[in-house]
Amino acid sequence: KVGRAMSWERSLAWATPEEEAEYRDAGQSWL
């Protein structure tokens, strides 16, 4: 679960503002 949260954090480093808004809670939800 921690690994999945870390993966989301890495992905969002490349996100547009719209993508960041859509997925911002995805990693934290695993934590």
PDB file of all heavy atoms in Angstrom:
ATOM      1  N   LYS A   1       0.837  -1.203   0.000  1.00  0.00           N
ATOM      2  CA  LYS A   1       0.000   0.000   0.000  1.00  0.00           C
ATOM      3  C   LYS A   1       0.868   1.248   0.000  1.00  0.00           C
ATOM      4  O   LYS A   1       0.572   2.226  -0.699  1.00  0.00           O
ATOM      5  CB  LYS A   1      -0.933  -0.013   1.210  1.00  0.00           C
ATOM      6  CG  LYS A   1      -1.994  -1.111   1.161  1.00  0.00           C
ATOM      7  CD  LYS A   1      -2.867  -1.102   2.401  1.00  0.00           C
ATOM      8  CE  LYS A   1      -3.895  -2.224   2.350  1.00  0.00           C
ATOM      9  NZ  LYS A   1      -4.772  -2.250   3.561  1.00  0.00           N
ATOM     10  N   VAL A   2       1.936   1.219   0.776  1.00  0.00           N
ATOM     11  CA  VAL A   2       2.868   2.347   0.771  1.00  0.00           C
ATOM     12  C   VAL A   2       3.519   2.478  -0.607  1.00  0.00           C
ATOM     13  O   VAL A   2       3.670   3.588  -1.135  1.00  0.00           O
ATOM     14  CB  VAL A   2       3.941   2.178   1.856  1.00  0.00           C
ATOM     15  CG1 VAL A   2       4.939   3.333   1.813  1.00  0.00           C
ATOM     16  CG2 VAL A   2       3.297   2.075   3.237  1.00  0.00           C
ATOM     17  N   GLY A   3       3.899   1.359  -1.202  1.00  0.00           N
ATOM     18  CA  GLY A   3       4.500   1.388  -2.528  1.00  0.00           C
ATOM     19  C   GLY A   3       3.583   1.999  -3.564  1.00  0.00           C
ATOM     20  O   GLY A   3       4.031   2.765  -4.438  1.00  0.00           O
ATOM     21  N   ARG A   4       2.288   1.710  -3.480  1.00  0.00           N
ATOM     22  CA  ARG A   4       1.332   2.288  -4.433  1.00  0.00           C
ATOM     23  C   ARG A   4       1.210   3.792  -4.206  1.00  0.00           C
ATOM     24  O   ARG A   4       1.101   4.570  -5.166  1.00  0.00           O
ATOM     25  CB  ARG A   4      -0.029   1.606  -4.321  1.00  0.00           C
ATOM     26  CG  ARG A   4      -0.016   0.171  -4.848  1.00  0.00           C
ATOM     27  CD  ARG A   4      -1.417  -0.374  -5.036  1.00  0.00           C
ATOM     28  NE  ARG A   4      -2.127   0.312  -6.108  1.00  0.00           N
ATOM     29  CZ  ARG A   4      -1.997   0.042  -7.402  1.00  0.00           C
ATOM     30  NH1 ARG A   4      -1.168  -0.906  -7.807  1.00  0.00           N
ATOM     31  NH2 ARG A   4      -2.701   0.726  -8.289  1.00  0.00           N
ATOM     32  N   ALA A   5       1.213   4.216  -2.954  1.00  0.00           N
ATOM     33  CA  ALA A   5       1.162   5.649  -2.675  1.00  0.00           C
ATOM     34  C   ALA A   5       2.396   6.360  -3.239  1.00  0.00           C
ATOM     35  O   ALA A   5       2.292   7.455  -3.803  1.00  0.00           O
ATOM     36  CB  ALA A   5       1.056   5.874  -1.166  1.00  0.00           C
ATOM     37  N   MET A   6       3.556   5.736  -3.098  1.00  0.00           N
ATOM     38  CA  MET A   6       4.788   6.315  -3.635  1.00  0.00           C
ATOM     39  C   MET A   6       4.739   6.393  -5.162  1.00  0.00           C
ATOM     40  O   MET A   6       5.236   7.353  -5.770  1.00  0.00           O
ATOM     41  CB  MET A   6       5.986   5.494  -3.162  1.00  0.00           C
ATOM     42  CG  MET A   6       6.224   5.579  -1.662  1.00  0.00           C
ATOM     43  SD  MET A   6       7.404   4.341  -1.026  1.00  0.00           S
ATOM     44  CE  MET A   6       8.924   4.898  -1.791  1.00  0.00           C
ATOM     45  N   SER A   7       4.122   5.390  -5.790  1.00  0.00           N
ATOM     46  CA  SER A   7       3.987   5.411  -7.250  1.00  0.00           C
ATOM     47  C   SER A   7       3.129   6.586  -7.706  1.00  0.00           C
ATOM     48  O   SER A   7       3.448   7.265  -8.697  1.00  0.00           O
ATOM     49  CB  SER A   7       3.371   4.093  -7.732  1.00  0.00           C
ATOM     50  OG  SER A   7       4.260   3.008  -7.548  1.00  0.00           O
ATOM     51  N   TRP A   8       2.032   6.837  -6.991  1.00  0.00           N
ATOM     52  CA  TRP A   8       1.184   7.975  -7.337  1.00  0.00           C
ATOM     53  C   TRP A   8       1.944   9.290  -7.169  1.00  0.00           C
ATOM     54  O   TRP A   8       1.827  10.201  -7.988  1.00  0.00           O
ATOM     55  CB  TRP A   8      -0.078   7.976  -6.478  1.00  0.00           C
ATOM     56  CG  TRP A   8      -1.159   7.113  -7.042  1.00  0.00           C
ATOM     57  CD1 TRP A   8      -1.613   5.919  -6.556  1.00  0.00           C
ATOM     58  CD2 TRP A   8      -1.931   7.382  -8.219  1.00  0.00           C
ATOM     59  NE1 TRP A   8      -2.612   5.415  -7.362  1.00  0.00           N
ATOM     60  CE2 TRP A   8      -2.828   6.300  -8.376  1.00  0.00           C
ATOM     61  CE3 TRP A   8      -1.963   8.414  -9.142  1.00  0.00           C
ATOM     62  CZ2 TRP A   8      -3.743   6.237  -9.430  1.00  0.00           C
ATOM     63  CZ3 TRP A   8      -2.869   8.354 -10.200  1.00  0.00           C
ATOM     64  CH2 TRP A   8      -3.733   7.270 -10.330  1.00  0.00           C
ATOM     65  N   GLU A   9       2.727   9.386  -6.123  1.00  0.00           N
ATOM     66  CA  GLU A   9       3.493  10.608  -5.903  1.00  0.00           C
ATOM     67  C   GLU A   9       4.459  10.862  -7.056  1.00  0.00           C
ATOM     68  O   GLU A   9       4.607  11.996  -7.531  1.00  0.00           O
ATOM     69  CB  GLU A   9       4.251  10.516  -4.583  1.00  0.00           C
ATOM     70  CG  GLU A   9       5.032  11.777  -4.227  1.00  0.00           C
ATOM     71  CD  GLU A   9       5.743  11.668  -2.887  1.00  0.00           C
ATOM     72  OE1 GLU A   9       5.580  10.643  -2.199  1.00  0.00           O
ATOM     73  OE2 GLU A   9       6.479  12.614  -2.547  1.00  0.00           O
ATOM     74  N   ARG A  10       5.127   9.803  -7.530  1.00  0.00           N
ATOM     75  CA  ARG A  10       6.037   9.961  -8.664  1.00  0.00           C
ATOM     76  C   ARG A  10       5.278  10.396  -9.917  1.00  0.00           C
ATOM     77  O   ARG A  10       5.725  11.283 -10.653  1.00  0.00           O
ATOM     78  CB  ARG A  10       6.786   8.652  -8.930  1.00  0.00           C
ATOM     79  CG  ARG A  10       7.924   8.363  -7.980  1.00  0.00           C
ATOM     80  CD  ARG A  10       8.734   7.170  -8.455  1.00  0.00           C
ATOM     81  NE  ARG A  10       7.939   5.951  -8.455  1.00  0.00           N
ATOM     82  CZ  ARG A  10       7.818   5.135  -7.428  1.00  0.00           C
ATOM     83  NH1 ARG A  10       8.438   5.404  -6.293  1.00  0.00           N
ATOM     84  NH2 ARG A  10       7.085   4.043  -7.507  1.00  0.00           N
ATOM     85  N   SER A  11       4.141   9.773 -10.178  1.00  0.00           N
ATOM     86  CA  SER A  11       3.368  10.100 -11.374  1.00  0.00           C
ATOM     87  C   SER A  11       2.899  11.548 -11.361  1.00  0.00           C
ATOM     88  O   SER A  11       2.942  12.243 -12.386  1.00  0.00           O
ATOM     89  CB  SER A  11       2.159   9.165 -11.490  1.00  0.00           C
ATOM     90  OG  SER A  11       2.553   7.846 -11.778  1.00  0.00           O
ATOM     91  N   LEU A  12       2.448  12.016 -10.207  1.00  0.00           N
ATOM     92  CA  LEU A  12       1.891  13.366 -10.137  1.00  0.00           C
ATOM     93  C   LEU A  12       2.940  14.445 -10.315  1.00  0.00           C
ATOM     94  O   LEU A  12       2.605  15.603 -10.583  1.00  0.00           O
ATOM     95  CB  LEU A  12       1.150  13.545  -8.815  1.00  0.00           C
ATOM     96  CG  LEU A  12      -0.165  12.766  -8.704  1.00  0.00           C
ATOM     97  CD1 LEU A  12      -0.793  12.951  -7.336  1.00  0.00           C
ATOM     98  CD2 LEU A  12      -1.145  13.190  -9.799  1.00  0.00           C
ATOM     99  N   ALA A  13       4.211  14.073 -10.192  1.00  0.00           N
ATOM    100  CA  ALA A  13       5.267  15.043 -10.457  1.00  0.00           C
ATOM    101  C   ALA A  13       5.253  15.490 -11.919  1.00  0.00           C
ATOM    102  O   ALA A  13       5.802  16.548 -12.256  1.00  0.00           O
ATOM    103  CB  ALA A  13       6.626  14.449 -10.099  1.00  0.00           C
ATOM    104  N   TRP A  14       4.614  14.680 -12.774  1.00  0.00           N
ATOM    105  CA  TRP A  14       4.538  14.981 -14.208  1.00  0.00           C
ATOM    106  C   TRP A  14       3.161  15.508 -14.616  1.00  0.00           C
ATOM    107  O   TRP A  14       2.925  15.771 -15.798  1.00  0.00           O
ATOM    108  CB  TRP A  14       4.819  13.716 -15.018  1.00  0.00           C
ATOM    109  CG  TRP A  14       6.152  13.097 -14.761  1.00  0.00           C
ATOM    110  CD1 TRP A  14       6.516  12.315 -13.690  1.00  0.00           C
ATOM    111  CD2 TRP A  14       7.318  13.205 -15.570  1.00  0.00           C
ATOM    112  NE1 TRP A  14       7.829  11.922 -13.790  1.00  0.00           N
ATOM    113  CE2 TRP A  14       8.350  12.455 -14.940  1.00  0.00           C
ATOM    114  CE3 TRP A  14       7.599  13.853 -16.773  1.00  0.00           C
ATOM    115  CZ2 TRP A  14       9.622  12.349 -15.477  1.00  0.00           C
ATOM    116  CZ3 TRP A  14       8.872  13.742 -17.311  1.00  0.00           C
ATOM    117  CH2 TRP A  14       9.865  12.996 -16.660  1.00  0.00           C
ATOM    118  N   ALA A  15       2.257  15.669 -13.678  1.00  0.00           N
ATOM    119  CA  ALA A  15       0.859  15.945 -13.999  1.00  0.00           C
ATOM    120  C   ALA A  15       0.621  17.399 -14.387  1.00  0.00           C
ATOM    121  O   ALA A  15       1.285  18.320 -13.888  1.00  0.00           O
ATOM    122  CB  ALA A  15      -0.025  15.588 -12.814  1.00  0.00           C
ATOM    123  N   THR A  16      -0.348  17.583 -15.268  1.00  0.00           N
ATOM    124  CA  THR A  16      -0.866  18.924 -15.534  1.00  0.00           C
ATOM    125  C   THR A  16      -1.724  19.340 -14.332  1.00  0.00           C
ATOM    126  O   THR A  16      -2.104  18.495 -13.508  1.00  0.00           O
ATOM    127  CB  THR A  16      -1.739  18.926 -16.784  1.00  0.00           C
ATOM    128  OG1 THR A  16      -2.892  18.090 -16.547  1.00  0.00           O
ATOM    129  CG2 THR A  16      -0.973  18.392 -17.996  1.00  0.00           C
ATOM    130  N   PRO A  17      -2.057  20.621 -14.210  1.00  0.00           N
ATOM    131  CA  PRO A  17      -2.939  21.027 -13.111  1.00  0.00           C
ATOM    132  C   PRO A  17      -4.257  20.261 -13.093  1.00  0.00           C
ATOM    133  O   PRO A  17      -4.765  19.919 -12.027  1.00  0.00           O
ATOM    134  CB  PRO A  17      -3.145  22.527 -13.370  1.00  0.00           C
ATOM    135  CG  PRO A  17      -1.899  22.953 -14.076  1.00  0.00           C
ATOM    136  CD  PRO A  17      -1.532  21.787 -14.956  1.00  0.00           C
ATOM    137  N   GLU A  18      -4.790  19.974 -14.266  1.00  0.00           N
ATOM    138  CA  GLU A  18      -6.055  19.233 -14.329  1.00  0.00           C
ATOM    139  C   GLU A  18      -5.879  17.793 -13.842  1.00  0.00           C
ATOM    140  O   GLU A  18      -6.714  17.262 -13.110  1.00  0.00           O
ATOM    141  CB  GLU A  18      -6.594  19.233 -15.767  1.00  0.00           C
ATOM    142  CG  GLU A  18      -7.007  20.594 -16.288  1.00  0.00           C
ATOM    143  CD  GLU A  18      -5.836  21.478 -16.692  1.00  0.00           C
ATOM    144  OE1 GLU A  18      -4.706  20.954 -16.866  1.00  0.00           O
ATOM    145  OE2 GLU A  18      -6.044  22.698 -16.850  1.00  0.00           O
ATOM    146  N   GLU A  19      -4.773  17.168 -14.254  1.00  0.00           N
ATOM    147  CA  GLU A  19      -4.509  15.796 -13.806  1.00  0.00           C
ATOM    148  C   GLU A  19      -4.214  15.754 -12.314  1.00  0.00           C
ATOM    149  O   GLU A  19      -4.652  14.845 -11.607  1.00  0.00           O
ATOM    150  CB  GLU A  19      -3.334  15.216 -14.596  1.00  0.00           C
ATOM    151  CG  GLU A  19      -3.659  14.942 -16.058  1.00  0.00           C
ATOM    152  CD  GLU A  19      -2.425  14.666 -16.896  1.00  0.00           C
ATOM    153  OE1 GLU A  19      -1.328  15.161 -16.548  1.00  0.00           O
ATOM    154  OE2 GLU A  19      -2.547  13.977 -17.926  1.00  0.00           O
ATOM    155  N   GLU A  20      -3.487  16.743 -11.830  1.00  0.00           N
ATOM    156  CA  GLU A  20      -3.188  16.783 -10.401  1.00  0.00           C
ATOM    157  C   GLU A  20      -4.475  16.897  -9.587  1.00  0.00           C
ATOM    158  O   GLU A  20      -4.629  16.246  -8.550  1.00  0.00           O
ATOM    159  CB  GLU A  20      -2.257  17.961 -10.103  1.00  0.00           C
ATOM    160  CG  GLU A  20      -1.497  17.840  -8.795  1.00  0.00           C
ATOM    161  CD  GLU A  20      -2.328  18.227  -7.590  1.00  0.00           C
ATOM    162  OE1 GLU A  20      -3.268  19.039  -7.726  1.00  0.00           O
ATOM    163  OE2 GLU A  20      -2.041  17.723  -6.486  1.00  0.00           O
ATOM    164  N   ALA A  21      -5.402  17.719 -10.070  1.00  0.00           N
ATOM    165  CA  ALA A  21      -6.681  17.863  -9.374  1.00  0.00           C
ATOM    166  C   ALA A  21      -7.470  16.564  -9.390  1.00  0.00           C
ATOM    167  O   ALA A  21      -8.127  16.203  -8.402  1.00  0.00           O
ATOM    168  CB  ALA A  21      -7.493  18.987 -10.014  1.00  0.00           C
ATOM    169  N   GLU A  22      -7.389  15.827 -10.509  1.00  0.00           N
ATOM    170  CA  GLU A  22      -8.148  14.579 -10.630  1.00  0.00           C
ATOM    171  C   GLU A  22      -7.588  13.480  -9.744  1.00  0.00           C
ATOM    172  O   GLU A  22      -8.341  12.694  -9.155  1.00  0.00           O
ATOM    173  CB  GLU A  22      -8.141  14.118 -12.092  1.00  0.00           C
ATOM    174  CG  GLU A  22      -8.913  12.816 -12.321  1.00  0.00           C
ATOM    175  CD  GLU A  22      -8.941  12.393 -13.775  1.00  0.00           C
ATOM    176  OE1 GLU A  22      -8.368  13.111 -14.642  1.00  0.00           O
ATOM    177  OE2 GLU A  22      -9.543  11.330 -14.064  1.00  0.00           O
ATOM    178  N   TYR A  23      -6.257  13.417  -9.622  1.00  0.00           N
ATOM    179  CA  TYR A  23      -5.631  12.270  -8.959  1.00  0.00           C
ATOM    180  C   TYR A  23      -4.957  12.608  -7.627  1.00  0.00           C
ATOM    181  O   TYR A  23      -4.323  11.747  -7.033  1.00  0.00           O
ATOM    182  CB  TYR A  23      -4.572  11.659  -9.887  1.00  0.00           C
ATOM    183  CG  TYR A  23      -5.096  11.118 -11.188  1.00  0.00           C
ATOM    184  CD1 TYR A  23      -4.699  11.658 -12.409  1.00  0.00           C
ATOM    185  CD2 TYR A  23      -5.997  10.050 -11.208  1.00  0.00           C
ATOM    186  CE1 TYR A  23      -5.173  11.149 -13.607  1.00  0.00           C
ATOM    187  CE2 TYR A  23      -6.477   9.542 -12.402  1.00  0.00           C
ATOM    188  CZ  TYR A  23      -6.061  10.097 -13.600  1.00  0.00           C
ATOM    189  OH  TYR A  23      -6.533   9.596 -14.777  1.00  0.00           O
ATOM    190  N   ARG A  24      -5.107  13.832  -7.151  1.00  0.00           N
ATOM    191  CA  ARG A  24      -4.314  14.262  -5.992  1.00  0.00           C
ATOM    192  C   ARG A  24      -4.529  13.396  -4.750  1.00  0.00           C
ATOM    193  O   ARG A  24      -3.628  13.264  -3.916  1.00  0.00           O
ATOM    194  CB  ARG A  24      -4.599  15.724  -5.648  1.00  0.00           C
ATOM    195  CG  ARG A  24      -5.983  16.006  -5.131  1.00  0.00           C
ATOM    196  CD  ARG A  24      -6.014  17.382  -4.430  1.00  0.00           C
ATOM    197  NE  ARG A  24      -5.685  18.463  -5.341  1.00  0.00           N
ATOM    198  CZ  ARG A  24      -6.584  19.285  -5.879  1.00  0.00           C
ATOM    199  NH1 ARG A  24      -7.871  19.123  -5.598  1.00  0.00           N
ATOM    200  NH2 ARG A  24      -6.210  20.248  -6.672  1.00  0.00           N
ATOM    201  N   ASP A  25      -5.703  12.785  -4.622  1.00  0.00           N
ATOM    202  CA  ASP A  25      -5.995  11.993  -3.425  1.00  0.00           C
ATOM    203  C   ASP A  25      -5.720  10.500  -3.603  1.00  0.00           C
ATOM    204  O   ASP A  25      -5.892   9.726  -2.662  1.00  0.00           O
ATOM    205  CB  ASP A  25      -7.458  12.183  -3.014  1.00  0.00           C
ATOM    206  CG  ASP A  25      -7.771  13.626  -2.631  1.00  0.00           C
ATOM    207  OD1 ASP A  25      -6.868  14.289  -2.079  1.00  0.00           O
ATOM    208  OD2 ASP A  25      -8.894  14.081  -2.880  1.00  0.00           O
ATOM    209  N   ALA A  26      -5.296  10.106  -4.809  1.00  0.00           N
ATOM    210  CA  ALA A  26      -5.155   8.672  -5.096  1.00  0.00           C
ATOM    211  C   ALA A  26      -4.092   8.012  -4.226  1.00  0.00           C
ATOM    212  O   ALA A  26      -4.305   6.923  -3.674  1.00  0.00           O
ATOM    213  CB  ALA A  26      -4.843   8.457  -6.577  1.00  0.00           C
ATOM    214  N   GLY A  27      -2.940   8.654  -4.088  1.00  0.00           N
ATOM    215  CA  GLY A  27      -1.884   8.060  -3.280  1.00  0.00           C
ATOM    216  C   GLY A  27      -2.225   8.030  -1.812  1.00  0.00           C
ATOM    217  O   GLY A  27      -2.030   7.015  -1.130  1.00  0.00           O
ATOM    218  N   GLN A  28      -2.771   9.134  -1.298  1.00  0.00           N
ATOM    219  CA  GLN A  28      -3.111   9.197   0.115  1.00  0.00           C
ATOM    220  C   GLN A  28      -4.182   8.177   0.478  1.00  0.00           C
ATOM    221  O   GLN A  28      -4.208   7.666   1.603  1.00  0.00           O
ATOM    222  CB  GLN A  28      -3.583  10.604   0.487  1.00  0.00           C
ATOM    223  CG  GLN A  28      -3.831  10.806   1.973  1.00  0.00           C
ATOM    224  CD  GLN A  28      -2.589  10.586   2.822  1.00  0.00           C
ATOM    225  OE1 GLN A  28      -1.493  11.013   2.449  1.00  0.00           O
ATOM    226  NE2 GLN A  28      -2.749   9.904   3.950  1.00  0.00           N
ATOM    227  N   SER A  29      -5.056   7.852  -0.475  1.00  0.00           N
ATOM    228  CA  SER A  29      -6.108   6.877  -0.174  1.00  0.00           C
ATOM    229  C   SER A  29      -5.520   5.511   0.182  1.00  0.00           C
ATOM    230  O   SER A  29      -6.077   4.790   1.015  1.00  0.00           O
ATOM    231  CB  SER A  29      -7.067   6.740  -1.360  1.00  0.00           C
ATOM    232  OG  SER A  29      -6.432   6.135  -2.478  1.00  0.00           O
ATOM    233  N   TRP A  30      -4.372   5.161  -0.436  1.00  0.00           N
ATOM    234  CA  TRP A  30      -3.716   3.893  -0.080  1.00  0.00           C
ATOM    235  C   TRP A  30      -3.122   3.968   1.323  1.00  0.00           C
ATOM    236  O   TRP A  30      -3.175   3.000   2.081  1.00  0.00           O
ATOM    237  CB  TRP A  30      -2.629   3.554  -1.106  1.00  0.00           C
ATOM    238  CG  TRP A  30      -3.196   3.051  -2.389  1.00  0.00           C
ATOM    239  CD1 TRP A  30      -3.332   3.744  -3.562  1.00  0.00           C
ATOM    240  CD2 TRP A  30      -3.749   1.763  -2.638  1.00  0.00           C
ATOM    241  NE1 TRP A  30      -3.932   2.966  -4.508  1.00  0.00           N
ATOM    242  CE2 TRP A  30      -4.196   1.739  -3.978  1.00  0.00           C
ATOM    243  CE3 TRP A  30      -3.897   0.614  -1.861  1.00  0.00           C
ATOM    244  CZ2 TRP A  30      -4.787   0.616  -4.556  1.00  0.00           C
ATOM    245  CZ3 TRP A  30      -4.480  -0.516  -2.428  1.00  0.00           C
ATOM    246  CH2 TRP A  30      -4.915  -0.502  -3.762  1.00  0.00           C
ATOM    247  N   LEU A  31      -2.590   5.123   1.683  1.00  0.00           N
ATOM    248  CA  LEU A  31      -2.051   5.274   3.036  1.00  0.00           C
ATOM    249  C   LEU A  31      -3.181   5.259   4.070  1.00  0.00           C
ATOM    250  O   LEU A  31      -3.020   4.721   5.167  1.00  0.00           O
ATOM    251  CB  LEU A  31      -1.254   6.575   3.134  1.00  0.00           C
ATOM    252  CG  LEU A  31      -0.012   6.668   2.252  1.00  0.00           C
ATOM    253  CD1 LEU A  31       0.667   8.021   2.445  1.00  0.00           C
ATOM    254  CD2 LEU A  31       0.967   5.534   2.539  1.00  0.00           C
TER     255      LEU A  31
END
